[in-house]
C-alpha cells in the first residue's frame, strides 16, 4: 500500500527503495559535479570564463528545478540553487591553485611591473608582468594570485601548467603547500549541495502527497449549502 502511494510529480509511480536511492545519488553527483567542473573551466583563458559560468548557472537552475518542481522540496531547491553558485565560485580558484601547485612546473621569475590599471570596461584591475628564467613574459592578475604586495624587481615563483592550458599561478615562496581553508570551503559546499540534493530525492513528494498533507492539516474544502 505504501509503495503504491509513492508517486512522481504528476501522480505516476515514482522510484522507491534502491532505485530511488540510485536516482537521488545520480542527481546529487550530477549537480555538485557540474558546479565544480564549471568553476574549474572558468579559470581557463580564451573566453572559457563565460562557458564555466554558464555551466554553473545551468547546474544551479537544473538542481533547483528538480528539487523544487519535481520533488516538491522548496527548501532544498533554495539551498541547491545558491549553494551550487557558491560552489562554482570557490571551486574554480581552489582547484586551479591545487592543480598547478601539485602537478605544475615550478620556475623562478622576476616581477617587471605591478600596478593597477583600468580595462576597456572601466573596471580597475591590478596586474603583474613577470619574466621567468626561460625569458618568457607573463601578465597575471588576481586570478593567478597577483596582488598589490608584489613589488617590481621582487623574486617570485611560477607554477606553470605542463599542458599549457592554464595561466601560471604566482607565489612569493616556492612552497607547494595548498590552502586548507579554501579546500575546506570547497569540500563543504560540495557536500552541502550533493547531500541536500540526495536527501531531497529520498524525501521527494508528489502532488498527491501534498494534497493529502493539506487535507490532514486543514480538512476538506468547505462547501456552501446554497
C-alpha atoms as a PDB file:
ATOM      1  CA  UNK A   1       0.000   0.000   0.000  1.00  0.00           C
ATOM      2  CA  UNK A   2       2.755   2.461   0.947  1.00  0.00           C
ATOM      3  CA  UNK A   3       4.659   1.635  -2.212  1.00  0.00           C
ATOM      4  CA  UNK A   4       1.632   2.273  -4.346  1.00  0.00           C
ATOM      5  CA  UNK A   5       1.203   5.703  -2.776  1.00  0.00           C
ATOM      6  CA  UNK A   6       4.703   6.776  -3.823  1.00  0.00           C
ATOM      7  CA  UNK A   7       4.312   8.864  -6.922  1.00  0.00           C
ATOM      8  CA  UNK A   8       6.066  11.323  -9.153  1.00  0.00           C
ATOM      9  CA  UNK A   9       5.267  14.967  -9.829  1.00  0.00           C
ATOM     10  CA  UNK A  10       2.159  14.126 -11.856  1.00  0.00           C
ATOM     11  CA  UNK A  11       0.823  11.236  -9.823  1.00  0.00           C
ATOM     12  CA  UNK A  12       2.778   8.499 -11.628  1.00  0.00           C
ATOM     13  CA  UNK A  13       4.660   5.763  -9.799  1.00  0.00           C
ATOM     14  CA  UNK A  14       7.971   7.080  -8.517  1.00  0.00           C
ATOM     15  CA  UNK A  15      11.156   5.087  -7.913  1.00  0.00           C
ATOM     16  CA  UNK A  16      11.347   3.538  -4.492  1.00  0.00           C
ATOM     17  CA  UNK A  17      13.901   1.672  -2.408  1.00  0.00           C
ATOM     18  CA  UNK A  18      17.218   1.029  -4.133  1.00  0.00           C
ATOM     19  CA  UNK A  19      16.025   2.581  -7.378  1.00  0.00           C
ATOM     20  CA  UNK A  20      15.100   5.810  -5.636  1.00  0.00           C
ATOM     21  CA  UNK A  21      18.493   5.885  -3.891  1.00  0.00           C
ATOM     22  CA  UNK A  22      20.314   5.426  -7.218  1.00  0.00           C
ATOM     23  CA  UNK A  23      18.240   8.163  -8.822  1.00  0.00           C
ATOM     24  CA  UNK A  24      18.871  10.542  -5.916  1.00  0.00           C
ATOM     25  CA  UNK A  25      22.602   9.770  -5.978  1.00  0.00           C
ATOM     26  CA  UNK A  26      22.709  10.416  -9.724  1.00  0.00           C
ATOM     27  CA  UNK A  27      21.216  13.884  -9.342  1.00  0.00           C
ATOM     28  CA  UNK A  28      23.401  14.670  -6.343  1.00  0.00           C
ATOM     29  CA  UNK A  29      26.582  13.743  -8.227  1.00  0.00           C
ATOM     30  CA  UNK A  30      25.447  15.496 -11.412  1.00  0.00           C
ATOM     31  CA  UNK A  31      24.601  18.854  -9.848  1.00  0.00           C
ATOM     32  CA  UNK A  32      27.543  19.020  -7.426  1.00  0.00           C
ATOM     33  CA  UNK A  33      29.949  17.725 -10.078  1.00  0.00           C
ATOM     34  CA  UNK A  34      28.732  20.138 -12.747  1.00  0.00           C
ATOM     35  CA  UNK A  35      29.056  23.087 -10.364  1.00  0.00           C
ATOM     36  CA  UNK A  36      32.625  22.072  -9.549  1.00  0.00           C
ATOM     37  CA  UNK A  37      33.546  21.442 -13.184  1.00  0.00           C
ATOM     38  CA  UNK A  38      32.073  24.740 -14.313  1.00  0.00           C
ATOM     39  CA  UNK A  39      34.089  26.604 -11.704  1.00  0.00           C
ATOM     40  CA  UNK A  40      37.313  24.957 -12.865  1.00  0.00           C
ATOM     41  CA  UNK A  41      36.584  25.573 -16.547  1.00  0.00           C
ATOM     42  CA  UNK A  42      36.072  29.283 -15.786  1.00  0.00           C
ATOM     43  CA  UNK A  43      39.775  29.514 -14.880  1.00  0.00           C
ATOM     44  CA  UNK A  44      40.913  28.782 -18.421  1.00  0.00           C
ATOM     45  CA  UNK A  45      41.695  31.679 -20.794  1.00  0.00           C
ATOM     46  CA  UNK A  46      40.242  32.366 -24.260  1.00  0.00           C
ATOM     47  CA  UNK A  47      36.727  33.136 -23.099  1.00  0.00           C
ATOM     48  CA  UNK A  48      36.252  29.941 -21.096  1.00  0.00           C
ATOM     49  CA  UNK A  49      35.174  32.087 -18.151  1.00  0.00           C
ATOM     50  CA  UNK A  50      31.775  32.565 -19.780  1.00  0.00           C
ATOM     51  CA  UNK A  51      31.458  28.859 -20.586  1.00  0.00           C
ATOM     52  CA  UNK A  52      32.224  27.942 -16.989  1.00  0.00           C
ATOM     53  CA  UNK A  53      29.750  30.475 -15.621  1.00  0.00           C
ATOM     54  CA  UNK A  54      27.022  29.153 -17.928  1.00  0.00           C
ATOM     55  CA  UNK A  55      27.670  25.588 -16.723  1.00  0.00           C
ATOM     56  CA  UNK A  56      27.436  26.674 -13.084  1.00  0.00           C
ATOM     57  CA  UNK A  57      24.218  28.622 -13.680  1.00  0.00           C
ATOM     58  CA  UNK A  58      22.715  25.729 -15.636  1.00  0.00           C
ATOM     59  CA  UNK A  59      23.579  23.292 -12.837  1.00  0.00           C
ATOM     60  CA  UNK A  60      22.097  25.622 -10.217  1.00  0.00           C
ATOM     61  CA  UNK A  61      18.890  26.104 -12.205  1.00  0.00           C
ATOM     62  CA  UNK A  62      18.506  22.423 -13.038  1.00  0.00           C
ATOM     63  CA  UNK A  63      19.128  21.296  -9.475  1.00  0.00           C
ATOM     64  CA  UNK A  64      16.696  23.829  -8.047  1.00  0.00           C
ATOM     65  CA  UNK A  65      14.096  22.902 -10.650  1.00  0.00           C
ATOM     66  CA  UNK A  66      14.296  19.172  -9.983  1.00  0.00           C
ATOM     67  CA  UNK A  67      14.274  19.559  -6.194  1.00  0.00           C
ATOM     68  CA  UNK A  68      11.566  22.213  -6.165  1.00  0.00           C
ATOM     69  CA  UNK A  69       9.236  21.367  -9.038  1.00  0.00           C
ATOM     70  CA  UNK A  70       9.700  17.621  -9.497  1.00  0.00           C
ATOM     71  CA  UNK A  71      10.260  16.614  -5.896  1.00  0.00           C
ATOM     72  CA  UNK A  72       8.270  19.388  -4.168  1.00  0.00           C
ATOM     73  CA  UNK A  73      11.093  20.308  -1.798  1.00  0.00           C
ATOM     74  CA  UNK A  74      11.208  24.110  -1.916  1.00  0.00           C
ATOM     75  CA  UNK A  75      13.710  24.484   0.912  1.00  0.00           C
ATOM     76  CA  UNK A  76      16.122  22.040  -0.708  1.00  0.00           C
ATOM     77  CA  UNK A  77      15.708  23.831  -4.041  1.00  0.00           C
ATOM     78  CA  UNK A  78      16.817  27.121  -2.484  1.00  0.00           C
ATOM     79  CA  UNK A  79      19.865  25.557  -0.846  1.00  0.00           C
ATOM     80  CA  UNK A  80      20.874  23.718  -4.025  1.00  0.00           C
ATOM     81  CA  UNK A  81      20.454  26.799  -6.226  1.00  0.00           C
ATOM     82  CA  UNK A  82      22.526  29.205  -4.155  1.00  0.00           C
ATOM     83  CA  UNK A  83      24.910  26.501  -2.942  1.00  0.00           C
ATOM     84  CA  UNK A  84      25.810  25.460  -6.490  1.00  0.00           C
ATOM     85  CA  UNK A  85      26.660  29.036  -7.462  1.00  0.00           C
ATOM     86  CA  UNK A  86      28.843  29.410  -4.359  1.00  0.00           C
ATOM     87  CA  UNK A  87      30.479  26.066  -5.117  1.00  0.00           C
ATOM     88  CA  UNK A  88      31.414  27.192  -8.621  1.00  0.00           C
ATOM     89  CA  UNK A  89      32.911  30.405  -7.257  1.00  0.00           C
ATOM     90  CA  UNK A  90      35.120  28.740  -4.653  1.00  0.00           C
ATOM     91  CA  UNK A  91      35.946  25.570  -6.594  1.00  0.00           C
ATOM     92  CA  UNK A  92      37.380  27.426  -9.574  1.00  0.00           C
ATOM     93  CA  UNK A  93      40.160  29.251  -7.764  1.00  0.00           C
ATOM     94  CA  UNK A  94      40.965  26.455  -5.338  1.00  0.00           C
ATOM     95  CA  UNK A  95      41.119  23.697  -7.942  1.00  0.00           C
ATOM     96  CA  UNK A  96      43.199  25.944 -10.175  1.00  0.00           C
ATOM     97  CA  UNK A  97      45.718  26.542  -7.390  1.00  0.00           C
ATOM     98  CA  UNK A  98      45.740  22.907  -6.280  1.00  0.00           C
ATOM     99  CA  UNK A  99      46.264  21.541  -9.788  1.00  0.00           C
ATOM    100  CA  UNK A 100      49.102  23.912 -10.642  1.00  0.00           C
ATOM    101  CA  UNK A 101      50.891  23.542  -7.296  1.00  0.00           C
ATOM    102  CA  UNK A 102      50.683  19.772  -7.242  1.00  0.00           C
ATOM    103  CA  UNK A 103      51.327  19.000 -10.911  1.00  0.00           C
ATOM    104  CA  UNK A 104      52.726  22.220 -12.366  1.00  0.00           C
ATOM    105  CA  UNK A 105      56.336  23.031 -13.208  1.00  0.00           C
ATOM    106  CA  UNK A 106      57.916  25.387 -10.640  1.00  0.00           C
ATOM    107  CA  UNK A 107      60.178  28.092 -12.094  1.00  0.00           C
ATOM    108  CA  UNK A 108      61.847  31.242 -10.760  1.00  0.00           C
ATOM    109  CA  UNK A 109      60.624  34.607 -12.034  1.00  0.00           C
ATOM    110  CA  UNK A 110      61.170  38.331 -11.500  1.00  0.00           C
ATOM    111  CA  UNK A 111      58.446  40.968 -11.337  1.00  0.00           C
ATOM    112  CA  UNK A 112      58.916  43.569 -14.062  1.00  0.00           C
ATOM    113  CA  UNK A 113      55.848  45.643 -13.299  1.00  0.00           C
ATOM    114  CA  UNK A 114      52.961  45.597 -10.837  1.00  0.00           C
ATOM    115  CA  UNK A 115      50.273  48.233 -10.925  1.00  0.00           C
ATOM    116  CA  UNK A 116      46.567  48.897 -11.149  1.00  0.00           C
ATOM    117  CA  UNK A 117      45.047  49.832 -14.459  1.00  0.00           C
ATOM    118  CA  UNK A 118      41.563  50.305 -15.869  1.00  0.00           C
ATOM    119  CA  UNK A 119      40.361  47.995 -18.621  1.00  0.00           C
ATOM    120  CA  UNK A 120      38.183  48.891 -21.598  1.00  0.00           C
ATOM    121  CA  UNK A 121      35.021  48.455 -19.484  1.00  0.00           C
ATOM    122  CA  UNK A 122      36.232  50.949 -16.905  1.00  0.00           C
ATOM    123  CA  UNK A 123      36.904  48.333 -14.223  1.00  0.00           C
ATOM    124  CA  UNK A 124      40.083  48.753 -12.156  1.00  0.00           C
ATOM    125  CA  UNK A 125      42.343  45.711 -12.153  1.00  0.00           C
ATOM    126  CA  UNK A 126      45.684  45.012 -10.504  1.00  0.00           C
ATOM    127  CA  UNK A 127      48.098  43.069 -12.643  1.00  0.00           C
ATOM    128  CA  UNK A 128      51.710  41.868 -12.618  1.00  0.00           C
ATOM    129  CA  UNK A 129      54.081  41.450 -15.528  1.00  0.00           C
ATOM    130  CA  UNK A 130      56.755  38.872 -14.749  1.00  0.00           C
ATOM    131  CA  UNK A 131      59.544  37.140 -16.656  1.00  0.00           C
ATOM    132  CA  UNK A 132      60.700  33.609 -15.848  1.00  0.00           C
ATOM    133  CA  UNK A 133      64.124  32.012 -16.239  1.00  0.00           C
ATOM    134  CA  UNK A 134      63.337  30.912 -19.802  1.00  0.00           C
ATOM    135  CA  UNK A 135      62.787  34.528 -20.803  1.00  0.00           C
ATOM    136  CA  UNK A 136      59.025  34.112 -21.234  1.00  0.00           C
ATOM    137  CA  UNK A 137      56.902  37.050 -20.065  1.00  0.00           C
ATOM    138  CA  UNK A 138      53.530  36.609 -18.389  1.00  0.00           C
ATOM    139  CA  UNK A 139      50.813  39.116 -17.499  1.00  0.00           C
ATOM    140  CA  UNK A 140      48.950  37.897 -14.424  1.00  0.00           C
ATOM    141  CA  UNK A 141      46.054  39.245 -12.374  1.00  0.00           C
ATOM    142  CA  UNK A 142      44.182  38.319  -9.207  1.00  0.00           C
ATOM    143  CA  UNK A 143      43.017  35.022 -10.715  1.00  0.00           C
ATOM    144  CA  UNK A 144      46.681  33.980 -10.865  1.00  0.00           C
ATOM    145  CA  UNK A 145      47.366  35.318  -7.330  1.00  0.00           C
ATOM    146  CA  UNK A 146      48.789  38.704  -8.308  1.00  0.00           C
ATOM    147  CA  UNK A 147      48.176  41.261  -5.551  1.00  0.00           C
ATOM    148  CA  UNK A 148      49.419  44.683  -4.532  1.00  0.00           C
ATOM    149  CA  UNK A 149      52.034  43.346  -2.085  1.00  0.00           C
ATOM    150  CA  UNK A 150      54.180  42.220  -5.039  1.00  0.00           C
ATOM    151  CA  UNK A 151      56.734  44.920  -5.888  1.00  0.00           C
ATOM    152  CA  UNK A 152      58.690  45.403  -9.136  1.00  0.00           C
ATOM    153  CA  UNK A 153      62.078  43.740  -9.012  1.00  0.00           C
ATOM    154  CA  UNK A 154      60.926  41.177  -6.481  1.00  0.00           C
ATOM    155  CA  UNK A 155      61.580  37.480  -6.887  1.00  0.00           C
ATOM    156  CA  UNK A 156      58.543  35.212  -7.217  1.00  0.00           C
ATOM    157  CA  UNK A 157      57.831  31.637  -8.236  1.00  0.00           C
ATOM    158  CA  UNK A 158      55.541  30.473 -11.008  1.00  0.00           C
ATOM    159  CA  UNK A 159      53.749  27.153 -11.120  1.00  0.00           C
ATOM    160  CA  UNK A 160      53.199  26.543 -14.828  1.00  0.00           C
ATOM    161  CA  UNK A 161      50.732  24.156 -16.412  1.00  0.00           C
ATOM    162  CA  UNK A 162      52.714  21.437 -18.195  1.00  0.00           C
ATOM    163  CA  UNK A 163      49.874  21.173 -20.728  1.00  0.00           C
ATOM    164  CA  UNK A 164      49.885  24.957 -21.315  1.00  0.00           C
ATOM    165  CA  UNK A 165      46.140  25.205 -20.802  1.00  0.00           C
ATOM    166  CA  UNK A 166      46.086  27.405 -17.691  1.00  0.00           C
ATOM    167  CA  UNK A 167      47.944  30.613 -16.964  1.00  0.00           C
ATOM    168  CA  UNK A 168      50.706  30.261 -14.334  1.00  0.00           C
ATOM    169  CA  UNK A 169      49.974  30.546 -10.625  1.00  0.00           C
ATOM    170  CA  UNK A 170      52.248  33.033  -8.822  1.00  0.00           C
ATOM    171  CA  UNK A 171      53.613  32.743  -5.281  1.00  0.00           C
ATOM    172  CA  UNK A 172      56.223  34.650  -3.279  1.00  0.00           C
ATOM    173  CA  UNK A 173      57.620  31.346  -1.939  1.00  0.00           C
ATOM    174  CA  UNK A 174      58.428  28.058  -3.635  1.00  0.00           C
ATOM    175  CA  UNK A 175      56.149  26.054  -1.333  1.00  0.00           C
ATOM    176  CA  UNK A 176      53.688  23.654  -2.902  1.00  0.00           C
ATOM    177  CA  UNK A 177      51.502  23.735   0.221  1.00  0.00           C
ATOM    178  CA  UNK A 178      47.801  24.076  -0.526  1.00  0.00           C
ATOM    179  CA  UNK A 179      45.276  26.425   1.062  1.00  0.00           C
ATOM    180  CA  UNK A 180      43.418  24.275   3.629  1.00  0.00           C
ATOM    181  CA  UNK A 181      40.727  26.895   4.244  1.00  0.00           C
ATOM    182  CA  UNK A 182      39.834  27.246   0.584  1.00  0.00           C
ATOM    183  CA  UNK A 183      39.790  23.496   0.014  1.00  0.00           C
ATOM    184  CA  UNK A 184      37.726  23.032   3.162  1.00  0.00           C
ATOM    185  CA  UNK A 185      35.128  25.549   1.975  1.00  0.00           C
ATOM    186  CA  UNK A 186      35.011  23.922  -1.462  1.00  0.00           C
ATOM    187  CA  UNK A 187      34.617  20.452   0.015  1.00  0.00           C
ATOM    188  CA  UNK A 188      31.961  21.666   2.442  1.00  0.00           C
ATOM    189  CA  UNK A 189      29.941  23.282  -0.348  1.00  0.00           C
ATOM    190  CA  UNK A 190      30.248  20.137  -2.468  1.00  0.00           C
ATOM    191  CA  UNK A 191      28.882  18.032   0.380  1.00  0.00           C
ATOM    192  CA  UNK A 192      26.157  20.588   1.092  1.00  0.00           C
ATOM    193  CA  UNK A 193      24.894  20.626  -2.496  1.00  0.00           C
ATOM    194  CA  UNK A 194      25.242  16.897  -3.035  1.00  0.00           C
ATOM    195  CA  UNK A 195      23.846  15.963   0.360  1.00  0.00           C
ATOM    196  CA  UNK A 196      20.878  18.307   0.048  1.00  0.00           C
ATOM    197  CA  UNK A 197      20.093  17.008  -3.424  1.00  0.00           C
ATOM    198  CA  UNK A 198      20.323  13.388  -2.281  1.00  0.00           C
ATOM    199  CA  UNK A 199      18.145  13.988   0.786  1.00  0.00           C
ATOM    200  CA  UNK A 200      15.533  15.824  -1.280  1.00  0.00           C
ATOM    201  CA  UNK A 201      15.423  12.929  -3.713  1.00  0.00           C
ATOM    202  CA  UNK A 202      14.954  10.446  -0.904  1.00  0.00           C
ATOM    203  CA  UNK A 203      12.164  12.513   0.637  1.00  0.00           C
ATOM    204  CA  UNK A 204      10.502  13.590  -2.614  1.00  0.00           C
ATOM    205  CA  UNK A 205       6.760  14.255  -2.590  1.00  0.00           C
ATOM    206  CA  UNK A 206       4.182  14.061  -5.359  1.00  0.00           C
ATOM    207  CA  UNK A 207       1.346  16.500  -5.973  1.00  0.00           C
ATOM    208  CA  UNK A 208      -0.994  13.898  -4.478  1.00  0.00           C
ATOM    209  CA  UNK A 209       1.178  13.685  -1.361  1.00  0.00           C
ATOM    210  CA  UNK A 210       0.961  17.453  -0.944  1.00  0.00           C
ATOM    211  CA  UNK A 211      -2.796  17.388  -1.444  1.00  0.00           C
ATOM    212  CA  UNK A 212      -3.250  14.675   1.177  1.00  0.00           C
ATOM    213  CA  UNK A 213      -0.968  16.529   3.570  1.00  0.00           C
ATOM    214  CA  UNK A 214      -3.066  19.666   3.075  1.00  0.00           C
ATOM    215  CA  UNK A 215      -6.253  17.701   3.817  1.00  0.00           C
ATOM    216  CA  UNK A 216      -4.760  16.273   7.012  1.00  0.00           C
ATOM    217  CA  UNK A 217      -3.823  19.738   8.237  1.00  0.00           C
ATOM    218  CA  UNK A 218      -6.803  21.781   7.081  1.00  0.00           C
ATOM    219  CA  UNK A 219      -9.532  19.294   6.319  1.00  0.00           C
ATOM    220  CA  UNK A 220     -11.653  19.108   3.134  1.00  0.00           C
ATOM    221  CA  UNK A 221     -12.700  22.368   1.470  1.00  0.00           C
ATOM    222  CA  UNK A 222     -15.880  23.858   2.916  1.00  0.00           C
ATOM    223  CA  UNK A 223     -18.804  23.959   0.519  1.00  0.00           C
ATOM    224  CA  UNK A 224     -21.818  26.196   0.886  1.00  0.00           C
ATOM    225  CA  UNK A 225     -25.273  24.613   1.002  1.00  0.00           C
ATOM    226  CA  UNK A 226     -26.860  27.216  -1.160  1.00  0.00           C
END
